[in-house]
């Protein structure tokens, strides 16, 4: 695997980033994919074993289920949080709208 420095952070990230958008399959995201916990564990293990340390997620993916599934995979596989770099997003709405 090849790695690059992420900006001026000093963090080395794999040039390939694994996206978790298909984890969970809730709501709108059920049309994108429905990778369950077992499938997520297999995919994360294969990716990590191949040298990928850069993972992308978002709280809007499957209404947060994608992040929960990804986190559980790290726990199930014994992958330390310090050994991965996690990218996320902060703009999309999750949950019901605010009422006035």
N, C-alpha and C. Protein backbone atom coordinates (compact mmCIF):
# COMPACT_ATOMS: atom_id res chain seq x y z
N UNK A 1 0.85 -1.18 0.00
CA UNK A 1 0.00 0.00 0.00
C UNK A 1 0.89 1.24 0.00
N UNK A 2 0.48 2.23 -0.72
CA UNK A 2 1.18 3.50 -0.70
C UNK A 2 0.48 4.43 0.28
N UNK A 3 1.27 5.32 0.88
CA UNK A 3 0.74 6.26 1.87
C UNK A 3 1.17 7.68 1.52
N UNK A 4 0.36 8.62 1.92
CA UNK A 4 0.68 10.05 1.75
C UNK A 4 0.42 10.76 3.06
N UNK A 5 1.11 11.87 3.25
CA UNK A 5 0.87 12.68 4.44
C UNK A 5 -0.41 13.47 4.23
N UNK A 6 -1.28 13.46 5.22
CA UNK A 6 -2.55 14.18 5.15
C UNK A 6 -2.32 15.65 5.50
N UNK A 7 -2.29 16.49 4.47
CA UNK A 7 -2.05 17.92 4.68
C UNK A 7 -0.76 18.14 5.44
N UNK A 8 -0.81 18.99 6.46
CA UNK A 8 0.37 19.22 7.28
C UNK A 8 0.21 18.61 8.67
N UNK A 9 -0.63 17.56 8.76
CA UNK A 9 -0.91 16.93 10.05
C UNK A 9 0.18 15.98 10.50
N UNK A 10 0.94 15.46 9.56
CA UNK A 10 1.92 14.44 9.90
C UNK A 10 1.34 13.03 9.87
N UNK A 11 0.02 12.92 9.68
CA UNK A 11 -0.62 11.60 9.61
C UNK A 11 -0.36 10.97 8.26
N UNK A 12 0.03 9.71 8.25
CA UNK A 12 0.17 8.98 7.01
C UNK A 12 -1.11 8.22 6.75
N UNK A 13 -1.71 8.46 5.59
CA UNK A 13 -2.94 7.77 5.23
C UNK A 13 -2.72 6.99 3.94
N UNK A 14 -3.40 5.86 3.85
CA UNK A 14 -3.31 5.06 2.63
C UNK A 14 -3.88 5.87 1.47
N UNK A 15 -3.32 5.65 0.29
CA UNK A 15 -3.81 6.38 -0.87
C UNK A 15 -5.21 5.91 -1.26
N UNK A 16 -5.60 4.76 -0.80
CA UNK A 16 -6.96 4.28 -0.98
C UNK A 16 -7.73 4.52 0.31
N UNK A 17 -8.94 5.01 0.18
CA UNK A 17 -9.81 5.25 1.33
C UNK A 17 -11.03 4.34 1.19
N UNK A 18 -11.36 3.64 2.24
CA UNK A 18 -12.51 2.73 2.21
C UNK A 18 -13.76 3.47 2.66
N UNK A 19 -14.80 3.50 1.83
CA UNK A 19 -16.05 4.17 2.16
C UNK A 19 -17.06 3.22 2.76
N UNK A 20 -17.79 3.69 3.78
CA UNK A 20 -18.73 2.83 4.50
C UNK A 20 -20.19 3.15 4.19
N UNK A 21 -20.46 3.80 3.09
CA UNK A 21 -21.81 4.22 2.75
C UNK A 21 -22.78 3.03 2.63
N UNK A 22 -22.29 1.86 2.32
CA UNK A 22 -23.17 0.70 2.13
C UNK A 22 -23.48 -0.04 3.42
N UNK A 23 -22.94 0.41 4.53
CA UNK A 23 -23.20 -0.27 5.80
C UNK A 23 -24.55 0.16 6.37
N UNK A 24 -25.38 -0.78 6.73
CA UNK A 24 -26.63 -0.46 7.42
C UNK A 24 -27.88 -0.56 6.58
N UNK A 25 -27.94 0.18 5.51
CA UNK A 25 -29.10 0.12 4.62
C UNK A 25 -30.41 0.57 5.25
N UNK A 26 -30.40 1.73 5.92
CA UNK A 26 -31.60 2.26 6.56
C UNK A 26 -32.12 3.45 5.76
N UNK A 27 -33.45 3.59 5.67
CA UNK A 27 -34.05 4.75 5.01
C UNK A 27 -33.61 4.87 3.56
N UNK A 28 -33.30 6.09 3.15
CA UNK A 28 -32.85 6.37 1.79
C UNK A 28 -31.71 5.46 1.39
N UNK A 29 -30.84 5.12 2.32
CA UNK A 29 -29.61 4.37 2.03
C UNK A 29 -29.86 2.89 1.76
N UNK A 30 -31.08 2.40 2.00
CA UNK A 30 -31.35 0.99 1.73
C UNK A 30 -31.20 0.68 0.24
N UNK A 31 -31.33 1.71 -0.61
CA UNK A 31 -31.15 1.53 -2.05
C UNK A 31 -29.68 1.45 -2.45
N UNK A 32 -28.80 1.90 -1.58
CA UNK A 32 -27.37 1.92 -1.87
C UNK A 32 -26.74 0.58 -1.50
N UNK A 33 -27.16 0.01 -0.42
CA UNK A 33 -26.61 -1.27 0.01
C UNK A 33 -27.00 -1.59 1.42
N UNK A 34 -26.95 -2.86 1.73
CA UNK A 34 -27.34 -3.30 3.06
C UNK A 34 -26.30 -4.26 3.64
N UNK A 35 -25.09 -3.79 3.74
CA UNK A 35 -24.03 -4.62 4.32
C UNK A 35 -24.28 -4.71 5.82
N UNK A 36 -24.45 -5.93 6.31
CA UNK A 36 -24.70 -6.13 7.73
C UNK A 36 -23.39 -6.18 8.51
N UNK A 37 -23.49 -6.41 9.82
CA UNK A 37 -22.29 -6.38 10.67
C UNK A 37 -21.26 -7.42 10.25
N UNK A 38 -21.71 -8.60 9.95
CA UNK A 38 -20.78 -9.66 9.53
C UNK A 38 -20.05 -9.29 8.24
N UNK A 39 -20.81 -8.77 7.28
CA UNK A 39 -20.21 -8.34 6.02
C UNK A 39 -19.25 -7.18 6.21
N UNK A 40 -19.63 -6.25 7.08
CA UNK A 40 -18.76 -5.10 7.36
C UNK A 40 -17.46 -5.58 7.99
N UNK A 41 -17.55 -6.52 8.93
CA UNK A 41 -16.34 -7.05 9.56
C UNK A 41 -15.40 -7.65 8.52
N UNK A 42 -15.96 -8.40 7.59
CA UNK A 42 -15.14 -9.03 6.55
C UNK A 42 -14.47 -7.97 5.67
N UNK A 43 -15.24 -6.96 5.27
CA UNK A 43 -14.70 -5.92 4.40
C UNK A 43 -13.63 -5.08 5.10
N UNK A 44 -13.88 -4.72 6.34
CA UNK A 44 -12.90 -3.92 7.09
C UNK A 44 -11.64 -4.73 7.33
N UNK A 45 -11.78 -5.99 7.67
CA UNK A 45 -10.61 -6.85 7.91
C UNK A 45 -9.76 -6.96 6.64
N UNK A 46 -10.40 -7.25 5.52
CA UNK A 46 -9.67 -7.39 4.25
C UNK A 46 -8.96 -6.08 3.89
N UNK A 47 -9.66 -4.97 4.08
CA UNK A 47 -9.07 -3.67 3.76
C UNK A 47 -7.88 -3.36 4.67
N UNK A 48 -8.08 -3.53 5.96
CA UNK A 48 -7.02 -3.24 6.93
C UNK A 48 -5.81 -4.15 6.70
N UNK A 49 -6.08 -5.44 6.47
CA UNK A 49 -4.99 -6.39 6.20
C UNK A 49 -4.22 -6.02 4.94
N UNK A 50 -4.88 -5.36 3.99
CA UNK A 50 -4.22 -4.93 2.75
C UNK A 50 -3.47 -3.61 2.92
N UNK A 51 -3.57 -3.01 4.11
CA UNK A 51 -2.82 -1.79 4.38
C UNK A 51 -3.65 -0.52 4.40
N UNK A 52 -4.95 -0.63 4.16
CA UNK A 52 -5.79 0.57 4.20
C UNK A 52 -5.97 0.99 5.65
N UNK A 53 -5.68 2.26 5.92
CA UNK A 53 -5.87 2.79 7.27
C UNK A 53 -6.76 4.03 7.27
N UNK A 54 -7.32 4.35 6.11
CA UNK A 54 -8.11 5.56 5.91
C UNK A 54 -9.54 5.15 5.57
N UNK A 55 -10.48 5.54 6.41
CA UNK A 55 -11.88 5.14 6.25
C UNK A 55 -12.78 6.37 6.24
N UNK A 56 -13.80 6.32 5.39
CA UNK A 56 -14.73 7.43 5.25
C UNK A 56 -16.11 7.01 5.70
N UNK A 57 -16.77 7.86 6.47
CA UNK A 57 -18.13 7.62 6.90
C UNK A 57 -18.86 8.94 7.01
N UNK A 58 -20.10 8.90 7.43
CA UNK A 58 -20.88 10.12 7.65
C UNK A 58 -22.09 9.78 8.50
N UNK A 59 -22.48 10.72 9.34
CA UNK A 59 -23.63 10.45 10.19
C UNK A 59 -24.93 10.33 9.39
N UNK A 60 -24.95 10.84 8.17
CA UNK A 60 -26.16 10.71 7.35
C UNK A 60 -26.29 9.35 6.69
N UNK A 61 -25.21 8.59 6.59
CA UNK A 61 -25.29 7.26 5.99
C UNK A 61 -26.14 6.35 6.88
N UNK A 62 -27.27 5.91 6.35
CA UNK A 62 -28.19 5.02 7.06
C UNK A 62 -28.56 5.56 8.43
N UNK A 63 -28.74 6.88 8.49
CA UNK A 63 -29.19 7.54 9.72
C UNK A 63 -28.28 7.21 10.92
N UNK A 64 -26.99 7.13 10.66
CA UNK A 64 -26.01 6.88 11.71
C UNK A 64 -25.62 5.42 11.87
N UNK A 65 -26.38 4.52 11.26
CA UNK A 65 -26.09 3.10 11.41
C UNK A 65 -24.74 2.73 10.80
N UNK A 66 -24.35 3.40 9.73
CA UNK A 66 -23.06 3.12 9.11
C UNK A 66 -21.92 3.35 10.09
N UNK A 67 -21.96 4.47 10.82
CA UNK A 67 -20.90 4.76 11.79
C UNK A 67 -20.89 3.74 12.92
N UNK A 68 -22.08 3.35 13.39
CA UNK A 68 -22.17 2.35 14.46
C UNK A 68 -21.60 1.01 14.00
N UNK A 69 -21.95 0.62 12.78
CA UNK A 69 -21.46 -0.64 12.24
C UNK A 69 -19.94 -0.61 12.07
N UNK A 70 -19.43 0.49 11.54
CA UNK A 70 -17.98 0.62 11.36
C UNK A 70 -17.26 0.55 12.71
N UNK A 71 -17.74 1.29 13.68
CA UNK A 71 -17.13 1.26 15.01
C UNK A 71 -17.16 -0.12 15.63
N UNK A 72 -18.27 -0.83 15.45
CA UNK A 72 -18.37 -2.19 15.99
C UNK A 72 -17.39 -3.12 15.29
N UNK A 73 -17.18 -2.89 13.98
CA UNK A 73 -16.20 -3.71 13.25
C UNK A 73 -14.80 -3.52 13.84
N UNK A 74 -14.43 -2.27 14.12
CA UNK A 74 -13.12 -2.03 14.73
C UNK A 74 -13.00 -2.79 16.04
N UNK A 75 -14.05 -2.74 16.84
CA UNK A 75 -14.06 -3.44 18.12
C UNK A 75 -14.00 -4.95 17.92
N UNK A 76 -14.84 -5.47 17.03
CA UNK A 76 -14.88 -6.92 16.78
C UNK A 76 -13.54 -7.45 16.29
N UNK A 77 -12.84 -6.66 15.50
CA UNK A 77 -11.58 -7.09 14.90
C UNK A 77 -10.36 -6.76 15.74
N UNK A 78 -10.57 -6.04 16.84
CA UNK A 78 -9.45 -5.66 17.70
C UNK A 78 -8.53 -4.64 17.05
N UNK A 79 -9.07 -3.80 16.18
CA UNK A 79 -8.27 -2.75 15.53
C UNK A 79 -8.32 -1.52 16.42
N UNK A 80 -7.16 -1.08 16.87
CA UNK A 80 -7.08 0.07 17.77
C UNK A 80 -7.44 1.35 17.02
N UNK A 81 -8.17 2.22 17.70
CA UNK A 81 -8.58 3.50 17.09
C UNK A 81 -7.37 4.30 16.61
N UNK A 82 -6.26 4.20 17.32
CA UNK A 82 -5.07 4.95 16.95
C UNK A 82 -4.46 4.49 15.63
N UNK A 83 -4.91 3.33 15.14
CA UNK A 83 -4.34 2.76 13.92
C UNK A 83 -5.13 3.11 12.66
N UNK A 84 -6.20 3.88 12.81
CA UNK A 84 -6.99 4.26 11.64
C UNK A 84 -7.23 5.77 11.63
N UNK A 85 -7.44 6.30 10.43
CA UNK A 85 -7.83 7.69 10.25
C UNK A 85 -9.24 7.66 9.69
N UNK A 86 -10.15 8.38 10.34
CA UNK A 86 -11.56 8.36 9.95
C UNK A 86 -11.97 9.74 9.45
N UNK A 87 -12.47 9.77 8.23
CA UNK A 87 -13.01 11.00 7.66
C UNK A 87 -14.53 10.95 7.77
N UNK A 88 -15.15 12.10 7.97
CA UNK A 88 -16.60 12.16 8.04
C UNK A 88 -17.08 13.47 7.44
N UNK A 89 -18.37 13.69 7.48
CA UNK A 89 -18.95 14.93 6.96
C UNK A 89 -19.77 15.59 8.06
N UNK A 90 -20.11 16.85 7.88
CA UNK A 90 -20.83 17.55 8.96
C UNK A 90 -22.00 18.40 8.46
N UNK A 91 -22.49 18.19 7.25
CA UNK A 91 -23.51 19.10 6.73
C UNK A 91 -24.91 18.50 6.67
N UNK A 92 -25.02 17.22 6.29
CA UNK A 92 -26.33 16.64 6.05
C UNK A 92 -27.18 16.53 7.32
N UNK A 93 -28.48 16.69 7.14
CA UNK A 93 -29.40 16.59 8.27
C UNK A 93 -29.56 15.13 8.68
N UNK A 94 -29.59 14.90 9.97
CA UNK A 94 -29.93 13.59 10.52
C UNK A 94 -31.08 13.78 11.49
N UNK A 95 -32.02 12.88 11.46
CA UNK A 95 -33.16 13.00 12.36
C UNK A 95 -34.17 14.01 11.88
N UNK A 96 -35.22 14.20 12.65
CA UNK A 96 -36.28 15.14 12.26
C UNK A 96 -35.80 16.59 12.35
N UNK A 97 -36.47 17.44 11.61
CA UNK A 97 -36.13 18.86 11.61
C UNK A 97 -36.47 19.49 12.96
N UNK A 98 -35.81 20.58 13.25
CA UNK A 98 -36.06 21.32 14.47
C UNK A 98 -37.45 21.97 14.39
N UNK A 99 -38.17 21.99 15.48
CA UNK A 99 -39.45 22.68 15.50
C UNK A 99 -39.29 24.01 16.20
N UNK A 100 -40.09 24.99 15.78
CA UNK A 100 -39.97 26.32 16.39
C UNK A 100 -41.03 26.58 17.42
